Amino acid sequence: MEEKVFEVEMMYIRHTTGTNYSIEFTGRRCKNVILNFSKVEGIEFSLQRALEIKHSYVQMADGQNKIWNLKFAYPTNFGVKLLLGKIIIDVI
């Protein structure tokens, strides 16, 4: 199953507990979409075209959730799917 998210301006990837991940997409007009995944080994970006990141922040401190925040230079469309234990994020 693939979820498509349109006009995304920011993406928040959170490693909550164990093998659980949450990805929050914030788009134009403050539209939010949150996708939760379990039994995940990792995340892969599959970019068929250029993606310009304006700002990125990674929190890796011990004792805190691992967080990766991405802000894009322009609104971007994504396709997200879980395949063989990996979250695959495509630019569409």
PDB file of N, CA and C in Angstrom:
ATOM      1  N   MET A   1       0.829  -1.168   0.000  1.00  0.00           N
ATOM      2  CA  MET A   1       0.000   0.000   0.000  1.00  0.00           C
ATOM      3  C   MET A   1       0.885   1.246   0.000  1.00  0.00           C
ATOM      4  N   GLU A   2       0.563   2.189  -0.868  1.00  0.00           N
ATOM      5  CA  GLU A   2       1.325   3.428  -0.955  1.00  0.00           C
ATOM      6  C   GLU A   2       0.412   4.604  -0.634  1.00  0.00           C
ATOM      7  N   GLU A   3       0.907   5.474   0.211  1.00  0.00           N
ATOM      8  CA  GLU A   3       0.209   6.710   0.538  1.00  0.00           C
ATOM      9  C   GLU A   3       0.853   7.839  -0.246  1.00  0.00           C
ATOM     10  N   LYS A   4       0.039   8.734  -0.795  1.00  0.00           N
ATOM     11  CA  LYS A   4       0.560   9.884  -1.510  1.00  0.00           C
ATOM     12  C   LYS A   4       0.208  11.140  -0.733  1.00  0.00           C
ATOM     13  N   VAL A   5       1.195  12.021  -0.596  1.00  0.00           N
ATOM     14  CA  VAL A   5       1.026  13.257   0.155  1.00  0.00           C
ATOM     15  C   VAL A   5       1.493  14.396  -0.753  1.00  0.00           C
ATOM     16  N   PHE A   6       0.656  15.435  -0.882  1.00  0.00           N
ATOM     17  CA  PHE A   6       0.918  16.499  -1.841  1.00  0.00           C
ATOM     18  C   PHE A   6       1.217  17.836  -1.165  1.00  0.00           C
ATOM     19  N   GLU A   7       2.019  18.642  -1.850  1.00  0.00           N
ATOM     20  CA  GLU A   7       2.386  20.000  -1.428  1.00  0.00           C
ATOM     21  C   GLU A   7       2.983  20.045  -0.024  1.00  0.00           C
ATOM     22  N   VAL A   8       3.943  19.180   0.229  1.00  0.00           N
ATOM     23  CA  VAL A   8       4.597  19.091   1.537  1.00  0.00           C
ATOM     24  C   VAL A   8       5.682  20.164   1.633  1.00  0.00           C
ATOM     25  N   GLU A   9       5.661  20.910   2.731  1.00  0.00           N
ATOM     26  CA  GLU A   9       6.688  21.918   2.981  1.00  0.00           C
ATOM     27  C   GLU A   9       7.687  21.460   4.041  1.00  0.00           C
ATOM     28  N   MET A  10       7.218  20.634   5.002  1.00  0.00           N
ATOM     29  CA  MET A  10       8.093  20.114   6.051  1.00  0.00           C
ATOM     30  C   MET A  10       7.762  18.649   6.324  1.00  0.00           C
ATOM     31  N   MET A  11       8.796  17.893   6.737  1.00  0.00           N
ATOM     32  CA  MET A  11       8.627  16.490   7.088  1.00  0.00           C
ATOM     33  C   MET A  11       9.331  16.239   8.421  1.00  0.00           C
ATOM     34  N   TYR A  12       8.650  15.546   9.332  1.00  0.00           N
ATOM     35  CA  TYR A  12       9.205  15.185  10.638  1.00  0.00           C
ATOM     36  C   TYR A  12       9.225  13.669  10.736  1.00  0.00           C
ATOM     37  N   ILE A  13      10.400  13.092  10.875  1.00  0.00           N
ATOM     38  CA  ILE A  13      10.532  11.641  11.029  1.00  0.00           C
ATOM     39  C   ILE A  13      10.934  11.376  12.472  1.00  0.00           C
ATOM     40  N   ARG A  14      10.138  10.554  13.178  1.00  0.00           N
ATOM     41  CA  ARG A  14      10.409  10.258  14.586  1.00  0.00           C
ATOM     42  C   ARG A  14      10.546   8.751  14.787  1.00  0.00           C
ATOM     43  N   HIS A  15      11.605   8.368  15.481  1.00  0.00           N
ATOM     44  CA  HIS A  15      11.773   6.983  15.915  1.00  0.00           C
ATOM     45  C   HIS A  15      11.248   6.954  17.341  1.00  0.00           C
ATOM     46  N   THR A  16      10.035   6.453  17.521  1.00  0.00           N
ATOM     47  CA  THR A  16       9.370   6.555  18.817  1.00  0.00           C
ATOM     48  C   THR A  16       9.850   5.489  19.795  1.00  0.00           C
ATOM     49  N   THR A  17       9.640   4.217  19.496  1.00  0.00           N
ATOM     50  CA  THR A  17      10.085   3.130  20.376  1.00  0.00           C
ATOM     51  C   THR A  17      10.422   1.903  19.546  1.00  0.00           C
ATOM     52  N   GLY A  18      11.428   1.191  19.954  1.00  0.00           N
ATOM     53  CA  GLY A  18      11.778  -0.078  19.292  1.00  0.00           C
ATOM     54  C   GLY A  18      11.888   0.062  17.792  1.00  0.00           C
ATOM     55  N   THR A  19      10.970  -0.580  17.064  1.00  0.00           N
ATOM     56  CA  THR A  19      10.962  -0.537  15.602  1.00  0.00           C
ATOM     57  C   THR A  19       9.804   0.301  15.076  1.00  0.00           C
ATOM     58  N   ASN A  20       9.287   1.218  15.886  1.00  0.00           N
ATOM     59  CA  ASN A  20       8.156   2.059  15.487  1.00  0.00           C
ATOM     60  C   ASN A  20       8.627   3.437  15.028  1.00  0.00           C
ATOM     61  N   TYR A  21       8.061   3.890  13.914  1.00  0.00           N
ATOM     62  CA  TYR A  21       8.382   5.197  13.353  1.00  0.00           C
ATOM     63  C   TYR A  21       7.093   5.955  13.062  1.00  0.00           C
ATOM     64  N   SER A  22       7.188   7.266  13.126  1.00  0.00           N
ATOM     65  CA  SER A  22       6.082   8.155  12.783  1.00  0.00           C
ATOM     66  C   SER A  22       6.631   9.202  11.826  1.00  0.00           C
ATOM     67  N   ILE A  23       5.906   9.439  10.731  1.00  0.00           N
ATOM     68  CA  ILE A  23       6.296  10.472   9.781  1.00  0.00           C
ATOM     69  C   ILE A  23       5.149  11.462   9.669  1.00  0.00           C
ATOM     70  N   GLU A  24       5.449  12.729   9.937  1.00  0.00           N
ATOM     71  CA  GLU A  24       4.437  13.785   9.851  1.00  0.00           C
ATOM     72  C   GLU A  24       4.805  14.714   8.706  1.00  0.00           C
ATOM     73  N   PHE A  25       3.837  14.949   7.830  1.00  0.00           N
ATOM     74  CA  PHE A  25       4.013  15.846   6.694  1.00  0.00           C
ATOM     75  C   PHE A  25       3.184  17.094   6.958  1.00  0.00           C
ATOM     76  N   THR A  26       3.812  18.261   6.816  1.00  0.00           N
ATOM     77  CA  THR A  26       3.095  19.523   6.956  1.00  0.00           C
ATOM     78  C   THR A  26       3.110  20.212   5.609  1.00  0.00           C
ATOM     79  N   GLY A  27       1.916  20.534   5.135  1.00  0.00           N
ATOM     80  CA  GLY A  27       1.797  21.129   3.820  1.00  0.00           C
ATOM     81  C   GLY A  27       1.250  22.533   3.859  1.00  0.00           C
ATOM     82  N   ARG A  28       0.923  23.012   2.701  1.00  0.00           N
ATOM     83  CA  ARG A  28       0.343  24.349   2.576  1.00  0.00           C
ATOM     84  C   ARG A  28      -0.970  24.420   3.348  1.00  0.00           C
ATOM     85  N   ARG A  29      -1.275  25.614   3.794  1.00  0.00           N
ATOM     86  CA  ARG A  29      -2.499  25.866   4.568  1.00  0.00           C
ATOM     87  C   ARG A  29      -2.542  25.011   5.830  1.00  0.00           C
ATOM     88  N   CYS A  30      -1.360  24.703   6.384  1.00  0.00           N
ATOM     89  CA  CYS A  30      -1.220  23.965   7.659  1.00  0.00           C
ATOM     90  C   CYS A  30      -1.912  22.606   7.640  1.00  0.00           C
ATOM     91  N   LYS A  31      -1.955  21.955   6.505  1.00  0.00           N
ATOM     92  CA  LYS A  31      -2.532  20.617   6.404  1.00  0.00           C
ATOM     93  C   LYS A  31      -1.496  19.599   6.867  1.00  0.00           C
ATOM     94  N   ASN A  32      -1.855  18.779   7.867  1.00  0.00           N
ATOM     95  CA  ASN A  32      -0.940  17.770   8.415  1.00  0.00           C
ATOM     96  C   ASN A  32      -1.433  16.368   8.098  1.00  0.00           C
ATOM     97  N   VAL A  33      -0.488  15.495   7.766  1.00  0.00           N
ATOM     98  CA  VAL A  33      -0.757  14.076   7.564  1.00  0.00           C
ATOM     99  C   VAL A  33       0.266  13.318   8.387  1.00  0.00           C
ATOM    100  N   ILE A  34      -0.199  12.397   9.245  1.00  0.00           N
ATOM    101  CA  ILE A  34       0.705  11.601  10.071  1.00  0.00           C
ATOM    102  C   ILE A  34       0.558  10.129   9.692  1.00  0.00           C
ATOM    103  N   LEU A  35       1.684   9.491   9.384  1.00  0.00           N
ATOM    104  CA  LEU A  35       1.707   8.064   9.069  1.00  0.00           C
ATOM    105  C   LEU A  35       2.534   7.356  10.132  1.00  0.00           C
ATOM    106  N   ASN A  36       1.986   6.285  10.707  1.00  0.00           N
ATOM    107  CA  ASN A  36       2.680   5.498  11.731  1.00  0.00           C
ATOM    108  C   ASN A  36       3.031   4.133  11.163  1.00  0.00           C
ATOM    109  N   PHE A  37       4.244   3.675  11.450  1.00  0.00           N
ATOM    110  CA  PHE A  37       4.727   2.391  10.954  1.00  0.00           C
ATOM    111  C   PHE A  37       5.316   1.591  12.107  1.00  0.00           C
ATOM    112  N   SER A  38       5.175   0.275  12.037  1.00  0.00           N
ATOM    113  CA  SER A  38       5.797  -0.603  13.031  1.00  0.00           C
ATOM    114  C   SER A  38       6.612  -1.663  12.300  1.00  0.00           C
ATOM    115  N   LYS A  39       7.526  -2.305  13.026  1.00  0.00           N
ATOM    116  CA  LYS A  39       8.423  -3.325  12.483  1.00  0.00           C
ATOM    117  C   LYS A  39       9.248  -2.775  11.325  1.00  0.00           C
ATOM    118  N   VAL A  40       9.876  -1.623  11.572  1.00  0.00           N
ATOM    119  CA  VAL A  40      10.676  -0.938  10.557  1.00  0.00           C
ATOM    120  C   VAL A  40      12.155  -1.057  10.905  1.00  0.00           C
ATOM    121  N   GLU A  41      12.966  -1.399   9.923  1.00  0.00           N
ATOM    122  CA  GLU A  41      14.422  -1.481  10.111  1.00  0.00           C
ATOM    123  C   GLU A  41      15.118  -0.192   9.705  1.00  0.00           C
ATOM    124  N   GLY A  42      14.518   0.577   8.798  1.00  0.00           N
ATOM    125  CA  GLY A  42      15.140   1.811   8.347  1.00  0.00           C
ATOM    126  C   GLY A  42      14.270   2.567   7.372  1.00  0.00           C
ATOM    127  N   ILE A  43      14.786   3.713   6.932  1.00  0.00           N
ATOM    128  CA  ILE A  43      14.070   4.585   6.004  1.00  0.00           C
ATOM    129  C   ILE A  43      14.976   4.860   4.814  1.00  0.00           C
ATOM    130  N   GLU A  44      14.381   4.822   3.624  1.00  0.00           N
ATOM    131  CA  GLU A  44      15.136   5.046   2.397  1.00  0.00           C
ATOM    132  C   GLU A  44      14.438   6.111   1.562  1.00  0.00           C
ATOM    133  N   PHE A  45      15.198   7.098   1.092  1.00  0.00           N
ATOM    134  CA  PHE A  45      14.688   8.075   0.137  1.00  0.00           C
ATOM    135  C   PHE A  45      15.044   7.587  -1.254  1.00  0.00           C
ATOM    136  N   SER A  46      14.052   7.483  -2.124  1.00  0.00           N
ATOM    137  CA  SER A  46      14.261   7.083  -3.510  1.00  0.00           C
ATOM    138  C   SER A  46      13.871   8.281  -4.371  1.00  0.00           C
ATOM    139  N   LEU A  47      14.867   9.008  -4.837  1.00  0.00           N
ATOM    140  CA  LEU A  47      14.611  10.266  -5.540  1.00  0.00           C
ATOM    141  C   LEU A  47      14.831  10.088  -7.033  1.00  0.00           C
ATOM    142  N   GLN A  48      13.751  10.139  -7.787  1.00  0.00           N
ATOM    143  CA  GLN A  48      13.834  10.044  -9.242  1.00  0.00           C
ATOM    144  C   GLN A  48      14.110  11.414  -9.859  1.00  0.00           C
ATOM    145  N   ARG A  49      13.884  12.472  -9.055  1.00  0.00           N
ATOM    146  CA  ARG A  49      14.169  13.835  -9.503  1.00  0.00           C
ATOM    147  C   ARG A  49      14.736  14.629  -8.339  1.00  0.00           C
ATOM    148  N   ALA A  50      15.238  15.799  -8.633  1.00  0.00           N
ATOM    149  CA  ALA A  50      15.924  16.606  -7.629  1.00  0.00           C
ATOM    150  C   ALA A  50      14.981  17.038  -6.496  1.00  0.00           C
ATOM    151  N   LEU A  51      15.535  17.078  -5.304  1.00  0.00           N
ATOM    152  CA  LEU A  51      14.813  17.542  -4.119  1.00  0.00           C
ATOM    153  C   LEU A  51      15.722  18.534  -3.399  1.00  0.00           C
ATOM    154  N   GLU A  52      15.248  19.759  -3.232  1.00  0.00           N
ATOM    155  CA  GLU A  52      16.053  20.789  -2.590  1.00  0.00           C
ATOM    156  C   GLU A  52      15.619  20.961  -1.145  1.00  0.00           C
ATOM    157  N   ILE A  53      16.537  20.690  -0.222  1.00  0.00           N
ATOM    158  CA  ILE A  53      16.272  20.825   1.209  1.00  0.00           C
ATOM    159  C   ILE A  53      16.781  22.182   1.659  1.00  0.00           C
ATOM    160  N   LYS A  54      15.882  22.952   2.276  1.00  0.00           N
ATOM    161  CA  LYS A  54      16.236  24.286   2.756  1.00  0.00           C
ATOM    162  C   LYS A  54      16.899  24.227   4.123  1.00  0.00           C
ATOM    163  N   HIS A  55      16.406  23.330   4.981  1.00  0.00           N
ATOM    164  CA  HIS A  55      16.926  23.208   6.341  1.00  0.00           C
ATOM    165  C   HIS A  55      16.696  21.780   6.825  1.00  0.00           C
ATOM    166  N   SER A  56      17.645  21.248   7.601  1.00  0.00           N
ATOM    167  CA  SER A  56      17.501  19.911   8.161  1.00  0.00           C
ATOM    168  C   SER A  56      18.087  19.893   9.569  1.00  0.00           C
ATOM    169  N   TYR A  57      17.437  19.133  10.461  1.00  0.00           N
ATOM    170  CA  TYR A  57      17.911  18.999  11.839  1.00  0.00           C
ATOM    171  C   TYR A  57      17.739  17.548  12.267  1.00  0.00           C
ATOM    172  N   VAL A  58      18.772  16.978  12.879  1.00  0.00           N
ATOM    173  CA  VAL A  58      18.713  15.606  13.380  1.00  0.00           C
ATOM    174  C   VAL A  58      19.016  15.616  14.875  1.00  0.00           C
ATOM    175  N   GLN A  59      18.124  15.020  15.669  1.00  0.00           N
ATOM    176  CA  GLN A  59      18.339  14.886  17.115  1.00  0.00           C
ATOM    177  C   GLN A  59      18.737  13.446  17.406  1.00  0.00           C
ATOM    178  N   MET A  60      19.937  13.244  17.946  1.00  0.00           N
ATOM    179  CA  MET A  60      20.455  11.906  18.187  1.00  0.00           C
ATOM    180  C   MET A  60      20.857  11.683  19.643  1.00  0.00           C
ATOM    181  N   ALA A  61      20.445  12.562  20.551  1.00  0.00           N
ATOM    182  CA  ALA A  61      20.844  12.484  21.958  1.00  0.00           C
ATOM    183  C   ALA A  61      20.338  11.199  22.607  1.00  0.00           C
ATOM    184  N   ASP A  62      21.159  10.643  23.500  1.00  0.00           N
ATOM    185  CA  ASP A  62      20.747   9.452  24.239  1.00  0.00           C
ATOM    186  C   ASP A  62      19.584   9.795  25.167  1.00  0.00           C
ATOM    187  N   GLY A  63      18.677   8.857  25.332  1.00  0.00           N
ATOM    188  CA  GLY A  63      17.548   9.041  26.234  1.00  0.00           C
ATOM    189  C   GLY A  63      16.409   9.853  25.632  1.00  0.00           C
ATOM    190  N   GLN A  64      16.531  10.273  24.380  1.00  0.00           N
ATOM    191  CA  GLN A  64      15.469  11.018  23.710  1.00  0.00           C
ATOM    192  C   GLN A  64      15.113  10.324  22.404  1.00  0.00           C
ATOM    193  N   ASN A  65      13.890  10.572  21.933  1.00  0.00           N
ATOM    194  CA  ASN A  65      13.490  10.025  20.642  1.00  0.00           C
ATOM    195  C   ASN A  65      14.388  10.582  19.550  1.00  0.00           C
ATOM    196  N   LYS A  66      14.710   9.743  18.579  1.00  0.00           N
ATOM    197  CA  LYS A  66      15.496  10.193  17.430  1.00  0.00           C
ATOM    198  C   LYS A  66      14.540  10.917  16.482  1.00  0.00           C
ATOM    199  N   ILE A  67      14.911  12.138  16.078  1.00  0.00           N
ATOM    200  CA  ILE A  67      14.047  12.960  15.242  1.00  0.00           C
ATOM    201  C   ILE A  67      14.860  13.515  14.076  1.00  0.00           C
ATOM    202  N   TRP A  68      14.248  13.532  12.907  1.00  0.00           N
ATOM    203  CA  TRP A  68      14.850  14.141  11.733  1.00  0.00           C
ATOM    204  C   TRP A  68      13.816  15.077  11.135  1.00  0.00           C
ATOM    205  N   ASN A  69      14.089  16.381  11.155  1.00  0.00           N
ATOM    206  CA  ASN A  69      13.193  17.384  10.593  1.00  0.00           C
ATOM    207  C   ASN A  69      13.777  17.890   9.282  1.00  0.00           C
ATOM    208  N   LEU A  70      12.932  17.981   8.266  1.00  0.00           N
ATOM    209  CA  LEU A  70      13.360  18.464   6.953  1.00  0.00           C
ATOM    210  C   LEU A  70      12.415  19.564   6.497  1.00  0.00           C
ATOM    211  N   LYS A  71      12.964  20.685   6.047  1.00  0.00           N
ATOM    212  CA  LYS A  71      12.160  21.750   5.449  1.00  0.00           C
ATOM    213  C   LYS A  71      12.621  21.896   4.007  1.00  0.00           C
ATOM    214  N   PHE A  72      11.653  21.881   3.084  1.00  0.00           N
ATOM    215  CA  PHE A  72      11.974  21.893   1.668  1.00  0.00           C
ATOM    216  C   PHE A  72      11.912  23.308   1.097  1.00  0.00           C
ATOM    217  N   ALA A  73      12.673  23.557   0.044  1.00  0.00           N
ATOM    218  CA  ALA A  73      12.747  24.876  -0.570  1.00  0.00           C
ATOM    219  C   ALA A  73      11.443  25.234  -1.284  1.00  0.00           C
ATOM    220  N   TYR A  74      10.692  24.230  -1.694  1.00  0.00           N
ATOM    221  CA  TYR A  74       9.420  24.456  -2.384  1.00  0.00           C
ATOM    222  C   TYR A  74       8.503  23.269  -2.079  1.00  0.00           C
ATOM    223  N   PRO A  75       7.176  23.436  -2.180  1.00  0.00           N
ATOM    224  CA  PRO A  75       6.252  22.323  -1.903  1.00  0.00           C
ATOM    225  C   PRO A  75       6.552  21.122  -2.810  1.00  0.00           C
ATOM    226  N   THR A  76       6.573  19.936  -2.208  1.00  0.00           N
ATOM    227  CA  THR A  76       6.968  18.711  -2.899  1.00  0.00           C
ATOM    228  C   THR A  76       5.927  17.622  -2.661  1.00  0.00           C
ATOM    229  N   ASN A  77       5.736  16.753  -3.647  1.00  0.00           N
ATOM    230  CA  ASN A  77       4.805  15.623  -3.542  1.00  0.00           C
ATOM    231  C   ASN A  77       5.591  14.348  -3.262  1.00  0.00           C
ATOM    232  N   PHE A  78       5.058  13.523  -2.335  1.00  0.00           N
ATOM    233  CA  PHE A  78       5.736  12.294  -1.938  1.00  0.00           C
ATOM    234  C   PHE A  78       4.806  11.094  -2.024  1.00  0.00           C
ATOM    235  N   GLY A  79       5.389   9.937  -2.295  1.00  0.00           N
ATOM    236  CA  GLY A  79       4.739   8.652  -2.159  1.00  0.00           C
ATOM    237  C   GLY A  79       5.471   7.897  -1.069  1.00  0.00           C
ATOM    238  N   VAL A  80       4.742   7.288  -0.130  1.00  0.00           N
ATOM    239  CA  VAL A  80       5.361   6.600   1.006  1.00  0.00           C
ATOM    240  C   VAL A  80       4.804   5.190   1.087  1.00  0.00           C
ATOM    241  N   LYS A  81       5.697   4.201   1.216  1.00  0.00           N
ATOM    242  CA  LYS A  81       5.246   2.812   1.349  1.00  0.00           C
ATOM    243  C   LYS A  81       6.201   2.050   2.251  1.00  0.00           C
ATOM    244  N   LEU A  82       5.704   0.963   2.826  1.00  0.00           N
ATOM    245  CA  LEU A  82       6.508   0.061   3.646  1.00  0.00           C
ATOM    246  C   LEU A  82       6.770  -1.180   2.819  1.00  0.00           C
ATOM    247  N   LEU A  83       8.053  -1.497   2.621  1.00  0.00           N
ATOM    248  CA  LEU A  83       8.428  -2.624   1.775  1.00  0.00           C
ATOM    249  C   LEU A  83       9.560  -3.389   2.436  1.00  0.00           C
ATOM    250  N   LEU A  84       9.320  -4.634   2.806  1.00  0.00           N
ATOM    251  CA  LEU A  84      10.318  -5.519   3.405  1.00  0.00           C
ATOM    252  C   LEU A  84      11.036  -4.874   4.598  1.00  0.00           C
ATOM    253  N   GLY A  85      10.277  -4.255   5.480  1.00  0.00           N
ATOM    254  CA  GLY A  85      10.840  -3.681   6.697  1.00  0.00           C
ATOM    255  C   GLY A  85      11.460  -2.312   6.541  1.00  0.00           C
ATOM    256  N   LYS A  86      11.362  -1.722   5.340  1.00  0.00           N
ATOM    257  CA  LYS A  86      11.906  -0.391   5.101  1.00  0.00           C
ATOM    258  C   LYS A  86      10.788   0.545   4.676  1.00  0.00           C
ATOM    259  N   ILE A  87      10.833   1.770   5.176  1.00  0.00           N
ATOM    260  CA  ILE A  87       9.931   2.814   4.691  1.00  0.00           C
ATOM    261  C   ILE A  87      10.621   3.427   3.477  1.00  0.00           C
ATOM    262  N   ILE A  88       9.935   3.417   2.351  1.00  0.00           N
ATOM    263  CA  ILE A  88      10.466   3.992   1.104  1.00  0.00           C
ATOM    264  C   ILE A  88       9.710   5.295   0.840  1.00  0.00           C
ATOM    265  N   ILE A  89      10.468   6.397   0.736  1.00  0.00           N
ATOM    266  CA  ILE A  89       9.874   7.705   0.459  1.00  0.00           C
ATOM    267  C   ILE A  89      10.325   8.128  -0.935  1.00  0.00           C
ATOM    268  N   ASP A  90       9.350   8.298  -1.856  1.00  0.00           N
ATOM    269  CA  ASP A  90       9.622   8.683  -3.233  1.00  0.00           C
ATOM    270  C   ASP A  90       9.141  10.103  -3.474  1.00  0.00           C
ATOM    271  N   VAL A  91       9.878  10.847  -4.286  1.00  0.00           N
ATOM    272  CA  VAL A  91       9.395  12.138  -4.777  1.00  0.00           C
ATOM    273  C   VAL A  91       8.588  11.852  -6.038  1.00  0.00           C
ATOM    274  N   ILE A  92       7.334  12.318  -6.050  1.00  0.00           N
ATOM    275  CA  ILE A  92       6.482  12.059  -7.220  1.00  0.00           C
ATOM    276  C   ILE A  92       6.104  13.350  -7.916  1.00  0.00           C
TER     277      ILE A  92
END
